[in-house]
Amino acid sequence: MDIFINYLCWALIISGSFFVIVGAFGTYRFPDFWSRLHAASITDSAGVILLLLGMGVYSGLTLITFKLLVIGLFLFITGPTSTHAVANAALISGLRPPTLQSKNSDDPDLKKPSDAV
């Protein structure tokens, strides 16, 4: 049973590390602010959850697990909140996401927010 728990912990830690590394490459490689923000927020949230879960399973039911749970809850709340705040600040400062271009420009769903009445 200990070998199974050990393999499970390392699988969670390695997969969490994979998500964090992919998020770092996505932040570096994507072309614009909005896609970089999306790559950073999604992959870091998934990576941190998997990393903390792997460390918590490895440590067993101890005070360390409780502390990891508190850290995970804090990051689970503050990560999306900070991403929303950064995106909102960029939108207010005038940085607009790229819009879809279509042949039918009368479609109200595809108009820019500044075109809406």
PDB file of N, CA and C in Angstrom:
ATOM      1  N   MET A   1       0.827  -1.206   0.000  1.00  0.00           N
ATOM      2  CA  MET A   1       0.000   0.000   0.000  1.00  0.00           C
ATOM      3  C   MET A   1       0.867   1.265   0.000  1.00  0.00           C
ATOM      4  N   ASP A   2       1.998   1.210   0.698  1.00  0.00           N
ATOM      5  CA  ASP A   2       2.880   2.377   0.734  1.00  0.00           C
ATOM      6  C   ASP A   2       3.466   2.685  -0.635  1.00  0.00           C
ATOM      7  N   ILE A   3       3.737   1.655  -1.403  1.00  0.00           N
ATOM      8  CA  ILE A   3       4.286   1.866  -2.745  1.00  0.00           C
ATOM      9  C   ILE A   3       3.249   2.546  -3.635  1.00  0.00           C
ATOM     10  N   PHE A   4       1.975   2.142  -3.519  1.00  0.00           N
ATOM     11  CA  PHE A   4       0.908   2.763  -4.305  1.00  0.00           C
ATOM     12  C   PHE A   4       0.765   4.241  -3.945  1.00  0.00           C
ATOM     13  N   ILE A   5       0.792   4.557  -2.657  1.00  0.00           N
ATOM     14  CA  ILE A   5       0.678   5.958  -2.218  1.00  0.00           C
ATOM     15  C   ILE A   5       1.868   6.765  -2.705  1.00  0.00           C
ATOM     16  N   ASN A   6       3.040   6.158  -2.649  1.00  0.00           N
ATOM     17  CA  ASN A   6       4.237   6.849  -3.119  1.00  0.00           C
ATOM     18  C   ASN A   6       4.149   7.141  -4.618  1.00  0.00           C
ATOM     19  N   TYR A   7       3.714   6.171  -5.410  1.00  0.00           N
ATOM     20  CA  TYR A   7       3.548   6.384  -6.855  1.00  0.00           C
ATOM     21  C   TYR A   7       2.460   7.418  -7.138  1.00  0.00           C
ATOM     22  N   LEU A   8       1.374   7.382  -6.381  1.00  0.00           N
ATOM     23  CA  LEU A   8       0.300   8.360  -6.563  1.00  0.00           C
ATOM     24  C   LEU A   8       0.796   9.770  -6.271  1.00  0.00           C
ATOM     25  N   CYS A   9       1.550   9.923  -5.190  1.00  0.00           N
ATOM     26  CA  CYS A   9       2.087  11.241  -4.832  1.00  0.00           C
ATOM     27  C   CYS A   9       2.995  11.779  -5.918  1.00  0.00           C
ATOM     28  N   TRP A  10       3.894  10.943  -6.399  1.00  0.00           N
ATOM     29  CA  TRP A  10       4.813  11.398  -7.429  1.00  0.00           C
ATOM     30  C   TRP A  10       4.105  11.657  -8.747  1.00  0.00           C
ATOM     31  N   ALA A  11       3.084  10.901  -9.052  1.00  0.00           N
ATOM     32  CA  ALA A  11       2.309  11.161 -10.270  1.00  0.00           C
ATOM     33  C   ALA A  11       1.613  12.519 -10.183  1.00  0.00           C
ATOM     34  N   LEU A  12       1.053  12.836  -9.024  1.00  0.00           N
ATOM     35  CA  LEU A  12       0.395  14.134  -8.841  1.00  0.00           C
ATOM     36  C   LEU A  12       1.407  15.274  -8.898  1.00  0.00           C
ATOM     37  N   ILE A  13       2.549  15.096  -8.264  1.00  0.00           N
ATOM     38  CA  ILE A  13       3.562  16.151  -8.249  1.00  0.00           C
ATOM     39  C   ILE A  13       4.141  16.372  -9.647  1.00  0.00           C
ATOM     40  N   ILE A  14       4.410  15.293 -10.374  1.00  0.00           N
ATOM     41  CA  ILE A  14       4.958  15.436 -11.721  1.00  0.00           C
ATOM     42  C   ILE A  14       3.930  16.046 -12.673  1.00  0.00           C
ATOM     43  N   SER A  15       2.660  15.645 -12.554  1.00  0.00           N
ATOM     44  CA  SER A  15       1.641  16.240 -13.433  1.00  0.00           C
ATOM     45  C   SER A  15       1.400  17.703 -13.084  1.00  0.00           C
ATOM     46  N   GLY A  16       1.447  18.056 -11.813  1.00  0.00           N
ATOM     47  CA  GLY A  16       1.336  19.465 -11.431  1.00  0.00           C
ATOM     48  C   GLY A  16       2.499  20.287 -11.950  1.00  0.00           C
ATOM     49  N   SER A  17       3.695  19.726 -11.877  1.00  0.00           N
ATOM     50  CA  SER A  17       4.870  20.414 -12.424  1.00  0.00           C
ATOM     51  C   SER A  17       4.752  20.581 -13.926  1.00  0.00           C
ATOM     52  N   PHE A  18       4.207  19.572 -14.592  1.00  0.00           N
ATOM     53  CA  PHE A  18       3.996  19.660 -16.033  1.00  0.00           C
ATOM     54  C   PHE A  18       3.067  20.824 -16.377  1.00  0.00           C
ATOM     55  N   PHE A  19       1.959  20.958 -15.644  1.00  0.00           N
ATOM     56  CA  PHE A  19       1.033  22.059 -15.908  1.00  0.00           C
ATOM     57  C   PHE A  19       1.692  23.424 -15.677  1.00  0.00           C
ATOM     58  N   VAL A  20       2.495  23.541 -14.628  1.00  0.00           N
ATOM     59  CA  VAL A  20       3.156  24.816 -14.349  1.00  0.00           C
ATOM     60  C   VAL A  20       4.161  25.150 -15.455  1.00  0.00           C
ATOM     61  N   ILE A  21       4.911  24.152 -15.913  1.00  0.00           N
ATOM     62  CA  ILE A  21       5.887  24.393 -16.975  1.00  0.00           C
ATOM     63  C   ILE A  21       5.194  24.740 -18.288  1.00  0.00           C
ATOM     64  N   VAL A  22       4.107  24.045 -18.612  1.00  0.00           N
ATOM     65  CA  VAL A  22       3.354  24.361 -19.834  1.00  0.00           C
ATOM     66  C   VAL A  22       2.782  25.778 -19.741  1.00  0.00           C
ATOM     67  N   GLY A  23       2.320  26.179 -18.580  1.00  0.00           N
ATOM     68  CA  GLY A  23       1.817  27.536 -18.403  1.00  0.00           C
ATOM     69  C   GLY A  23       2.903  28.579 -18.587  1.00  0.00           C
ATOM     70  N   ALA A  24       4.101  28.272 -18.117  1.00  0.00           N
ATOM     71  CA  ALA A  24       5.216  29.213 -18.303  1.00  0.00           C
ATOM     72  C   ALA A  24       5.571  29.349 -19.775  1.00  0.00           C
ATOM     73  N   PHE A  25       5.617  28.226 -20.504  1.00  0.00           N
ATOM     74  CA  PHE A  25       5.886  28.300 -21.945  1.00  0.00           C
ATOM     75  C   PHE A  25       4.751  29.005 -22.680  1.00  0.00           C
ATOM     76  N   GLY A  26       3.507  28.771 -22.261  1.00  0.00           N
ATOM     77  CA  GLY A  26       2.382  29.442 -22.890  1.00  0.00           C
ATOM     78  C   GLY A  26       2.423  30.942 -22.671  1.00  0.00           C
ATOM     79  N   THR A  27       2.816  31.346 -21.488  1.00  0.00           N
ATOM     80  CA  THR A  27       2.935  32.772 -21.204  1.00  0.00           C
ATOM     81  C   THR A  27       4.020  33.398 -22.067  1.00  0.00           C
ATOM     82  N   TYR A  28       5.049  32.652 -22.328  1.00  0.00           N
ATOM     83  CA  TYR A  28       6.148  33.165 -23.155  1.00  0.00           C
ATOM     84  C   TYR A  28       5.816  33.146 -24.644  1.00  0.00           C
ATOM     85  N   ARG A  29       5.119  32.124 -25.115  1.00  0.00           N
ATOM     86  CA  ARG A  29       4.948  31.910 -26.541  1.00  0.00           C
ATOM     87  C   ARG A  29       3.681  32.503 -27.156  1.00  0.00           C
ATOM     88  N   PHE A  30       2.625  32.700 -26.380  1.00  0.00           N
ATOM     89  CA  PHE A  30       1.381  33.185 -26.970  1.00  0.00           C
ATOM     90  C   PHE A  30       1.529  34.623 -27.446  1.00  0.00           C
ATOM     91  N   PRO A  31       0.744  35.014 -28.474  1.00  0.00           N
ATOM     92  CA  PRO A  31       1.001  36.283 -29.153  1.00  0.00           C
ATOM     93  C   PRO A  31       0.501  37.542 -28.442  1.00  0.00           C
ATOM     94  N   ASP A  32      -0.597  37.465 -27.710  1.00  0.00           N
ATOM     95  CA  ASP A  32      -1.145  38.700 -27.146  1.00  0.00           C
ATOM     96  C   ASP A  32      -1.399  38.547 -25.648  1.00  0.00           C
ATOM     97  N   PHE A  33      -1.753  39.655 -25.037  1.00  0.00           N
ATOM     98  CA  PHE A  33      -1.958  39.712 -23.592  1.00  0.00           C
ATOM     99  C   PHE A  33      -3.053  38.775 -23.117  1.00  0.00           C
ATOM    100  N   TRP A  34      -4.153  38.720 -23.845  1.00  0.00           N
ATOM    101  CA  TRP A  34      -5.311  37.954 -23.400  1.00  0.00           C
ATOM    102  C   TRP A  34      -5.047  36.455 -23.405  1.00  0.00           C
ATOM    103  N   SER A  35      -4.396  35.962 -24.429  1.00  0.00           N
ATOM    104  CA  SER A  35      -4.084  34.529 -24.446  1.00  0.00           C
ATOM    105  C   SER A  35      -3.002  34.187 -23.427  1.00  0.00           C
ATOM    106  N   ARG A  36      -2.075  35.090 -23.196  1.00  0.00           N
ATOM    107  CA  ARG A  36      -1.065  34.861 -22.153  1.00  0.00           C
ATOM    108  C   ARG A  36      -1.692  34.839 -20.768  1.00  0.00           C
ATOM    109  N   LEU A  37      -2.622  35.729 -20.548  1.00  0.00           N
ATOM    110  CA  LEU A  37      -3.307  35.751 -19.254  1.00  0.00           C
ATOM    111  C   LEU A  37      -4.095  34.470 -19.033  1.00  0.00           C
ATOM    112  N   HIS A  38      -4.739  33.986 -20.069  1.00  0.00           N
ATOM    113  CA  HIS A  38      -5.494  32.743 -19.973  1.00  0.00           C
ATOM    114  C   HIS A  38      -4.569  31.560 -19.690  1.00  0.00           C
ATOM    115  N   ALA A  39      -3.453  31.492 -20.395  1.00  0.00           N
ATOM    116  CA  ALA A  39      -2.498  30.395 -20.193  1.00  0.00           C
ATOM    117  C   ALA A  39      -1.943  30.405 -18.780  1.00  0.00           C
ATOM    118  N   ALA A  40      -1.623  31.565 -18.288  1.00  0.00           N
ATOM    119  CA  ALA A  40      -1.047  31.654 -16.944  1.00  0.00           C
ATOM    120  C   ALA A  40      -2.066  31.290 -15.875  1.00  0.00           C
ATOM    121  N   SER A  41      -3.282  31.748 -16.010  1.00  0.00           N
ATOM    122  CA  SER A  41      -4.264  31.530 -14.946  1.00  0.00           C
ATOM    123  C   SER A  41      -4.745  30.082 -14.894  1.00  0.00           C
ATOM    124  N   ILE A  42      -5.052  29.498 -16.024  1.00  0.00           N
ATOM    125  CA  ILE A  42      -5.597  28.143 -16.045  1.00  0.00           C
ATOM    126  C   ILE A  42      -4.552  27.116 -15.645  1.00  0.00           C
ATOM    127  N   THR A  43      -3.390  27.189 -16.253  1.00  0.00           N
ATOM    128  CA  THR A  43      -2.390  26.154 -15.981  1.00  0.00           C
ATOM    129  C   THR A  43      -1.790  26.282 -14.590  1.00  0.00           C
ATOM    130  N   ASP A  44      -1.642  27.488 -14.100  1.00  0.00           N
ATOM    131  CA  ASP A  44      -1.102  27.630 -12.748  1.00  0.00           C
ATOM    132  C   ASP A  44      -2.095  27.157 -11.703  1.00  0.00           C
ATOM    133  N   SER A  45      -3.372  27.410 -11.917  1.00  0.00           N
ATOM    134  CA  SER A  45      -4.371  26.902 -10.970  1.00  0.00           C
ATOM    135  C   SER A  45      -4.370  25.381 -10.937  1.00  0.00           C
ATOM    136  N   ALA A  46      -4.361  24.762 -12.101  1.00  0.00           N
ATOM    137  CA  ALA A  46      -4.345  23.299 -12.153  1.00  0.00           C
ATOM    138  C   ALA A  46      -3.054  22.745 -11.589  1.00  0.00           C
ATOM    139  N   GLY A  47      -1.935  23.372 -11.913  1.00  0.00           N
ATOM    140  CA  GLY A  47      -0.649  22.902 -11.425  1.00  0.00           C
ATOM    141  C   GLY A  47      -0.514  22.991  -9.919  1.00  0.00           C
ATOM    142  N   VAL A  48      -0.952  24.106  -9.352  1.00  0.00           N
ATOM    143  CA  VAL A  48      -0.849  24.281  -7.902  1.00  0.00           C
ATOM    144  C   VAL A  48      -1.753  23.294  -7.173  1.00  0.00           C
ATOM    145  N   ILE A  49      -2.943  23.069  -7.672  1.00  0.00           N
ATOM    146  CA  ILE A  49      -3.849  22.113  -7.027  1.00  0.00           C
ATOM    147  C   ILE A  49      -3.241  20.717  -7.032  1.00  0.00           C
ATOM    148  N   LEU A  50      -2.684  20.299  -8.166  1.00  0.00           N
ATOM    149  CA  LEU A  50      -2.089  18.967  -8.241  1.00  0.00           C
ATOM    150  C   LEU A  50      -0.835  18.852  -7.374  1.00  0.00           C
ATOM    151  N   LEU A  51      -0.012  19.892  -7.359  1.00  0.00           N
ATOM    152  CA  LEU A  51       1.183  19.870  -6.516  1.00  0.00           C
ATOM    153  C   LEU A  51       0.833  19.780  -5.034  1.00  0.00           C
ATOM    154  N   LEU A  52      -0.095  20.599  -4.598  1.00  0.00           N
ATOM    155  CA  LEU A  52      -0.483  20.577  -3.188  1.00  0.00           C
ATOM    156  C   LEU A  52      -1.180  19.280  -2.811  1.00  0.00           C
ATOM    157  N   LEU A  53      -1.953  18.741  -3.728  1.00  0.00           N
ATOM    158  CA  LEU A  53      -2.607  17.461  -3.473  1.00  0.00           C
ATOM    159  C   LEU A  53      -1.575  16.342  -3.335  1.00  0.00           C
ATOM    160  N   GLY A  54      -0.588  16.336  -4.205  1.00  0.00           N
ATOM    161  CA  GLY A  54       0.472  15.338  -4.116  1.00  0.00           C
ATOM    162  C   GLY A  54       1.264  15.456  -2.824  1.00  0.00           C
ATOM    163  N   MET A  55       1.592  16.679  -2.418  1.00  0.00           N
ATOM    164  CA  MET A  55       2.324  16.864  -1.165  1.00  0.00           C
ATOM    165  C   MET A  55       1.467  16.495   0.032  1.00  0.00           C
ATOM    166  N   GLY A  56       0.170  16.792  -0.037  1.00  0.00           N
ATOM    167  CA  GLY A  56      -0.722  16.453   1.070  1.00  0.00           C
ATOM    168  C   GLY A  56      -0.899  14.953   1.242  1.00  0.00           C
ATOM    169  N   VAL A  57      -1.026  14.242   0.137  1.00  0.00           N
ATOM    170  CA  VAL A  57      -1.147  12.782   0.217  1.00  0.00           C
ATOM    171  C   VAL A  57       0.149  12.178   0.737  1.00  0.00           C
ATOM    172  N   TYR A  58       1.278  12.725   0.335  1.00  0.00           N
ATOM    173  CA  TYR A  58       2.571  12.207   0.766  1.00  0.00           C
ATOM    174  C   TYR A  58       2.799  12.404   2.264  1.00  0.00           C
ATOM    175  N   SER A  59       2.337  13.530   2.801  1.00  0.00           N
ATOM    176  CA  SER A  59       2.571  13.807   4.223  1.00  0.00           C
ATOM    177  C   SER A  59       1.589  13.089   5.140  1.00  0.00           C
ATOM    178  N   GLY A  60       0.483  12.577   4.604  1.00  0.00           N
ATOM    179  CA  GLY A  60      -0.488  11.876   5.443  1.00  0.00           C
ATOM    180  C   GLY A  60      -1.380  12.849   6.196  1.00  0.00           C
ATOM    181  N   LEU A  61      -2.085  12.339   7.205  1.00  0.00           N
ATOM    182  CA  LEU A  61      -2.976  13.195   7.999  1.00  0.00           C
ATOM    183  C   LEU A  61      -2.192  13.827   9.143  1.00  0.00           C
ATOM    184  N   THR A  62      -1.556  14.943   8.842  1.00  0.00           N
ATOM    185  CA  THR A  62      -0.761  15.662   9.837  1.00  0.00           C
ATOM    186  C   THR A  62      -1.096  17.140   9.772  1.00  0.00           C
ATOM    187  N   LEU A  63      -0.402  17.905  10.591  1.00  0.00           N
ATOM    188  CA  LEU A  63      -0.570  19.354  10.574  1.00  0.00           C
ATOM    189  C   LEU A  63      -0.089  19.932   9.242  1.00  0.00           C
ATOM    190  N   ILE A  64       0.887  19.292   8.647  1.00  0.00           N
ATOM    191  CA  ILE A  64       1.388  19.744   7.346  1.00  0.00           C
ATOM    192  C   ILE A  64       0.285  19.678   6.289  1.00  0.00           C
ATOM    193  N   THR A  65      -0.500  18.624   6.312  1.00  0.00           N
ATOM    194  CA  THR A  65      -1.608  18.489   5.365  1.00  0.00           C
ATOM    195  C   THR A  65      -2.635  19.596   5.562  1.00  0.00           C
ATOM    196  N   PHE A  66      -2.917  19.921   6.809  1.00  0.00           N
ATOM    197  CA  PHE A  66      -3.858  21.010   7.088  1.00  0.00           C
ATOM    198  C   PHE A  66      -3.315  22.336   6.556  1.00  0.00           C
ATOM    199  N   LYS A  67      -2.029  22.581   6.753  1.00  0.00           N
ATOM    200  CA  LYS A  67      -1.424  23.819   6.250  1.00  0.00           C
ATOM    201  C   LYS A  67      -1.454  23.862   4.728  1.00  0.00           C
ATOM    202  N   LEU A  68      -1.196  22.723   4.094  1.00  0.00           N
ATOM    203  CA  LEU A  68      -1.284  22.673   2.632  1.00  0.00           C
ATOM    204  C   LEU A  68      -2.711  22.923   2.152  1.00  0.00           C
ATOM    205  N   LEU A  69      -3.685  22.429   2.894  1.00  0.00           N
ATOM    206  CA  LEU A  69      -5.089  22.671   2.545  1.00  0.00           C
ATOM    207  C   LEU A  69      -5.433  24.152   2.658  1.00  0.00           C
ATOM    208  N   VAL A  70      -4.945  24.806   3.691  1.00  0.00           N
ATOM    209  CA  VAL A  70      -5.193  26.245   3.861  1.00  0.00           C
ATOM    210  C   VAL A  70      -4.520  27.036   2.733  1.00  0.00           C
ATOM    211  N   ILE A  71      -3.287  26.661   2.404  1.00  0.00           N
ATOM    212  CA  ILE A  71      -2.593  27.324   1.297  1.00  0.00           C
ATOM    213  C   ILE A  71      -3.356  27.107  -0.009  1.00  0.00           C
ATOM    214  N   GLY A  72      -3.832  25.877  -0.236  1.00  0.00           N
ATOM    215  CA  GLY A  72      -4.594  25.584  -1.448  1.00  0.00           C
ATOM    216  C   GLY A  72      -5.879  26.381  -1.531  1.00  0.00           C
ATOM    217  N   LEU A  73      -6.604  26.497  -0.425  1.00  0.00           N
ATOM    218  CA  LEU A  73      -7.834  27.300  -0.426  1.00  0.00           C
ATOM    219  C   LEU A  73      -7.535  28.768  -0.698  1.00  0.00           C
ATOM    220  N   PHE A  74      -6.455  29.268  -0.104  1.00  0.00           N
ATOM    221  CA  PHE A  74      -6.068  30.660  -0.337  1.00  0.00           C
ATOM    222  C   PHE A  74      -5.740  30.893  -1.810  1.00  0.00           C
ATOM    223  N   LEU A  75      -4.951  29.994  -2.397  1.00  0.00           N
ATOM    224  CA  LEU A  75      -4.598  30.144  -3.806  1.00  0.00           C
ATOM    225  C   LEU A  75      -5.787  29.904  -4.728  1.00  0.00           C
ATOM    226  N   PHE A  76      -6.688  29.026  -4.333  1.00  0.00           N
ATOM    227  CA  PHE A  76      -7.885  28.755  -5.130  1.00  0.00           C
ATOM    228  C   PHE A  76      -8.784  29.985  -5.211  1.00  0.00           C
ATOM    229  N   ILE A  77      -8.774  30.810  -4.170  1.00  0.00           N
ATOM    230  CA  ILE A  77      -9.589  32.031  -4.158  1.00  0.00           C
ATOM    231  C   ILE A  77      -8.849  33.201  -4.797  1.00  0.00           C
ATOM    232  N   THR A  78      -7.578  33.377  -4.464  1.00  0.00           N
ATOM    233  CA  THR A  78      -6.861  34.566  -4.927  1.00  0.00           C
ATOM    234  C   THR A  78      -6.385  34.477  -6.372  1.00  0.00           C
ATOM    235  N   GLY A  79      -6.148  33.272  -6.896  1.00  0.00           N
ATOM    236  CA  GLY A  79      -5.673  33.143  -8.280  1.00  0.00           C
ATOM    237  C   GLY A  79      -6.670  33.682  -9.291  1.00  0.00           C
ATOM    238  N   PRO A  80      -7.899  33.167  -9.318  1.00  0.00           N
ATOM    239  CA  PRO A  80      -8.887  33.714 -10.266  1.00  0.00           C
ATOM    240  C   PRO A  80      -9.249  35.175  -9.982  1.00  0.00           C
ATOM    241  N   THR A  81      -9.235  35.564  -8.716  1.00  0.00           N
ATOM    242  CA  THR A  81      -9.548  36.952  -8.378  1.00  0.00           C
ATOM    243  C   THR A  81      -8.503  37.902  -8.931  1.00  0.00           C
ATOM    244  N   SER A  82      -7.235  37.555  -8.778  1.00  0.00           N
ATOM    245  CA  SER A  82      -6.179  38.424  -9.304  1.00  0.00           C
ATOM    246  C   SER A  82      -6.179  38.429 -10.834  1.00  0.00           C
ATOM    247  N   THR A  83      -6.463  37.296 -11.448  1.00  0.00           N
ATOM    248  CA  THR A  83      -6.555  37.260 -12.908  1.00  0.00           C
ATOM    249  C   THR A  83      -7.691  38.146 -13.396  1.00  0.00           C
ATOM    250  N   HIS A  84      -8.823  38.101 -12.717  1.00  0.00           N
ATOM    251  CA  HIS A  84      -9.947  38.961 -13.084  1.00  0.00           C
ATOM    252  C   HIS A  84      -9.586  40.434 -12.904  1.00  0.00           C
ATOM    253  N   ALA A  85      -8.882  40.759 -11.826  1.00  0.00           N
ATOM    254  CA  ALA A  85      -8.504  42.152 -11.590  1.00  0.00           C
ATOM    255  C   ALA A  85      -7.543  42.659 -12.664  1.00  0.00           C
ATOM    256  N   VAL A  86      -6.588  41.838 -13.060  1.00  0.00           N
ATOM    257  CA  VAL A  86      -5.648  42.234 -14.108  1.00  0.00           C
ATOM    258  C   VAL A  86      -6.381  42.404 -15.440  1.00  0.00           C
ATOM    259  N   ALA A  87      -7.273  41.463 -15.770  1.00  0.00           N
ATOM    260  CA  ALA A  87      -8.021  41.557 -17.024  1.00  0.00           C
ATOM    261  C   ALA A  87      -8.933  42.782 -17.022  1.00  0.00           C
ATOM    262  N   ASN A  88      -9.568  43.056 -15.908  1.00  0.00           N
ATOM    263  CA  ASN A  88     -10.440  44.229 -15.814  1.00  0.00           C
ATOM    264  C   ASN A  88      -9.644  45.516 -15.941  1.00  0.00           C
ATOM    265  N   ALA A  89      -8.475  45.582 -15.320  1.00  0.00           N
ATOM    266  CA  ALA A  89      -7.635  46.774 -15.431  1.00  0.00           C
ATOM    267  C   ALA A  89      -7.163  46.972 -16.870  1.00  0.00           C
ATOM    268  N   ALA A  90      -6.824  45.886 -17.553  1.00  0.00           N
ATOM    269  CA  ALA A  90      -6.404  46.006 -18.955  1.00  0.00           C
ATOM    270  C   ALA A  90      -7.556  46.467 -19.836  1.00  0.00           C
ATOM    271  N   LEU A  91      -8.746  45.949 -19.571  1.00  0.00           N
ATOM    272  CA  LEU A  91      -9.918  46.335 -20.367  1.00  0.00           C
ATOM    273  C   LEU A  91     -10.273  47.797 -20.139  1.00  0.00           C
ATOM    274  N   ILE A  92     -10.205  48.251 -18.904  1.00  0.00           N
ATOM    275  CA  ILE A  92     -10.521  49.645 -18.599  1.00  0.00           C
ATOM    276  C   ILE A  92      -9.475  50.587 -19.185  1.00  0.00           C
ATOM    277  N   SER A  93      -8.219  50.149 -19.217  1.00  0.00           N
ATOM    278  CA  SER A  93      -7.170  51.020 -19.754  1.00  0.00           C
ATOM    279  C   SER A  93      -7.183  51.082 -21.276  1.00  0.00           C
ATOM    280  N   GLY A  94      -8.037  50.295 -21.919  1.00  0.00           N
ATOM    281  CA  GLY A  94      -8.200  50.408 -23.361  1.00  0.00           C
ATOM    282  C   GLY A  94      -7.674  49.236 -24.165  1.00  0.00           C
ATOM    283  N   LEU A  95      -7.103  48.250 -23.534  1.00  0.00           N
ATOM    284  CA  LEU A  95      -6.613  47.074 -24.252  1.00  0.00           C
ATOM    285  C   LEU A  95      -7.786  46.146 -24.520  1.00  0.00           C
ATOM    286  N   ARG A  96      -8.171  46.022 -25.765  1.00  0.00           N
ATOM    287  CA  ARG A  96      -9.332  45.220 -26.141  1.00  0.00           C
ATOM    288  C   ARG A  96      -8.896  43.866 -26.671  1.00  0.00           C
ATOM    289  N   PRO A  97      -9.675  42.816 -26.371  1.00  0.00           N
ATOM    290  CA  PRO A  97      -9.357  41.509 -26.958  1.00  0.00           C
ATOM    291  C   PRO A  97      -9.641  41.507 -28.453  1.00  0.00           C
ATOM    292  N   PRO A  98      -8.941  40.662 -29.185  1.00  0.00           N
ATOM    293  CA  PRO A  98      -9.214  40.599 -30.632  1.00  0.00           C
ATOM    294  C   PRO A  98     -10.634  40.104 -30.876  1.00  0.00           C
ATOM    295  N   THR A  99     -11.286  40.693 -31.881  1.00  0.00           N
ATOM    296  CA  THR A  99     -12.669  40.324 -32.174  1.00  0.00           C
ATOM    297  C   THR A  99     -12.709  39.422 -33.393  1.00  0.00           C
ATOM    298  N   LEU A 100     -13.797  38.723 -33.529  1.00  0.00           N
ATOM    299  CA  LEU A 100     -13.984  37.854 -34.686  1.00  0.00           C
ATOM    300  C   LEU A 100     -14.365  38.700 -35.896  1.00  0.00           C
ATOM    301  N   GLN A 101     -13.760  38.392 -37.001  1.00  0.00           N
ATOM    302  CA  GLN A 101     -14.103  39.069 -38.239  1.00  0.00           C
ATOM    303  C   GLN A 101     -14.992  38.127 -39.051  1.00  0.00           C
ATOM    304  N   SER A 102     -16.120  38.623 -39.502  1.00  0.00           N
ATOM    305  CA  SER A 102     -17.009  37.785 -40.296  1.00  0.00           C
ATOM    306  C   SER A 102     -17.452  38.539 -41.543  1.00  0.00           C
ATOM    307  N   LYS A 103     -17.999  37.790 -42.466  1.00  0.00           N
ATOM    308  CA  LYS A 103     -18.514  38.408 -43.686  1.00  0.00           C
ATOM    309  C   LYS A 103     -19.769  39.204 -43.395  1.00  0.00           C
ATOM    310  N   ASN A 104     -20.561  38.765 -42.426  1.00  0.00           N
ATOM    311  CA  ASN A 104     -21.800  39.435 -42.071  1.00  0.00           C
ATOM    312  C   ASN A 104     -21.516  40.373 -40.906  1.00  0.00           C
ATOM    313  N   SER A 105     -21.301  41.628 -41.178  1.00  0.00           N
ATOM    314  CA  SER A 105     -20.979  42.584 -40.119  1.00  0.00           C
ATOM    315  C   SER A 105     -22.223  43.059 -39.371  1.00  0.00           C
ATOM    316  N   ASP A 106     -23.426  42.626 -39.810  1.00  0.00           N
ATOM    317  CA  ASP A 106     -24.651  43.021 -39.129  1.00  0.00           C
ATOM    318  C   ASP A 106     -24.969  42.128 -37.941  1.00  0.00           C
ATOM    319  N   ASP A 107     -24.199  41.076 -37.740  1.00  0.00           N
ATOM    320  CA  ASP A 107     -24.446  40.158 -36.633  1.00  0.00           C
ATOM    321  C   ASP A 107     -24.114  40.863 -35.320  1.00  0.00           C
ATOM    322  N   PRO A 108     -25.086  41.084 -34.420  1.00  0.00           N
ATOM    323  CA  PRO A 108     -24.818  41.838 -33.191  1.00  0.00           C
ATOM    324  C   PRO A 108     -23.906  41.092 -32.226  1.00  0.00           C
ATOM    325  N   ASP A 109     -23.810  39.769 -32.335  1.00  0.00           N
ATOM    326  CA  ASP A 109     -22.944  39.028 -31.423  1.00  0.00           C
ATOM    327  C   ASP A 109     -21.472  39.197 -31.759  1.00  0.00           C
ATOM    328  N   LEU A 110     -21.156  39.604 -32.973  1.00  0.00           N
ATOM    329  CA  LEU A 110     -19.767  39.717 -33.403  1.00  0.00           C
ATOM    330  C   LEU A 110     -19.262  41.146 -33.437  1.00  0.00           C
ATOM    331  N   LYS A 111     -20.080  42.095 -33.015  1.00  0.00           N
ATOM    332  CA  LYS A 111     -19.637  43.481 -33.011  1.00  0.00           C
ATOM    333  C   LYS A 111     -18.729  43.758 -31.815  1.00  0.00           C
ATOM    334  N   LYS A 112     -17.908  44.765 -31.957  1.00  0.00           N
ATOM    335  CA  LYS A 112     -17.028  45.181 -30.875  1.00  0.00           C
ATOM    336  C   LYS A 112     -17.862  45.787 -29.749  1.00  0.00           C
ATOM    337  N   PRO A 113     -17.357  45.744 -28.508  1.00  0.00           N
ATOM    338  CA  PRO A 113     -18.103  46.371 -27.414  1.00  0.00           C
ATOM    339  C   PRO A 113     -18.321  47.869 -27.622  1.00  0.00           C
ATOM    340  N   SER A 114     -17.397  48.547 -28.311  1.00  0.00           N
ATOM    341  CA  SER A 114     -17.568  49.981 -28.541  1.00  0.00           C
ATOM    342  C   SER A 114     -18.634  50.263 -29.589  1.00  0.00           C
ATOM    343  N   ASP A 115     -18.987  49.238 -30.433  1.00  0.00           N
ATOM    344  CA  ASP A 115     -20.017  49.424 -31.452  1.00  0.00           C
ATOM    345  C   ASP A 115     -21.420  49.234 -30.907  1.00  0.00           C
ATOM    346  N   ALA A 116     -21.539  48.634 -29.747  1.00  0.00           N
ATOM    347  CA  ALA A 116     -22.858  48.338 -29.189  1.00  0.00           C
ATOM    348  C   ALA A 116     -23.558  49.620 -28.781  1.00  0.00           C
ATOM    349  N   VAL A 117     -24.849  49.630 -28.914  1.00  0.00           N
ATOM    350  CA  VAL A 117     -25.633  50.816 -28.571  1.00  0.00           C
ATOM    351  C   VAL A 117     -26.298  50.628 -27.246  1.00  0.00           C
TER     352      VAL A 117
END
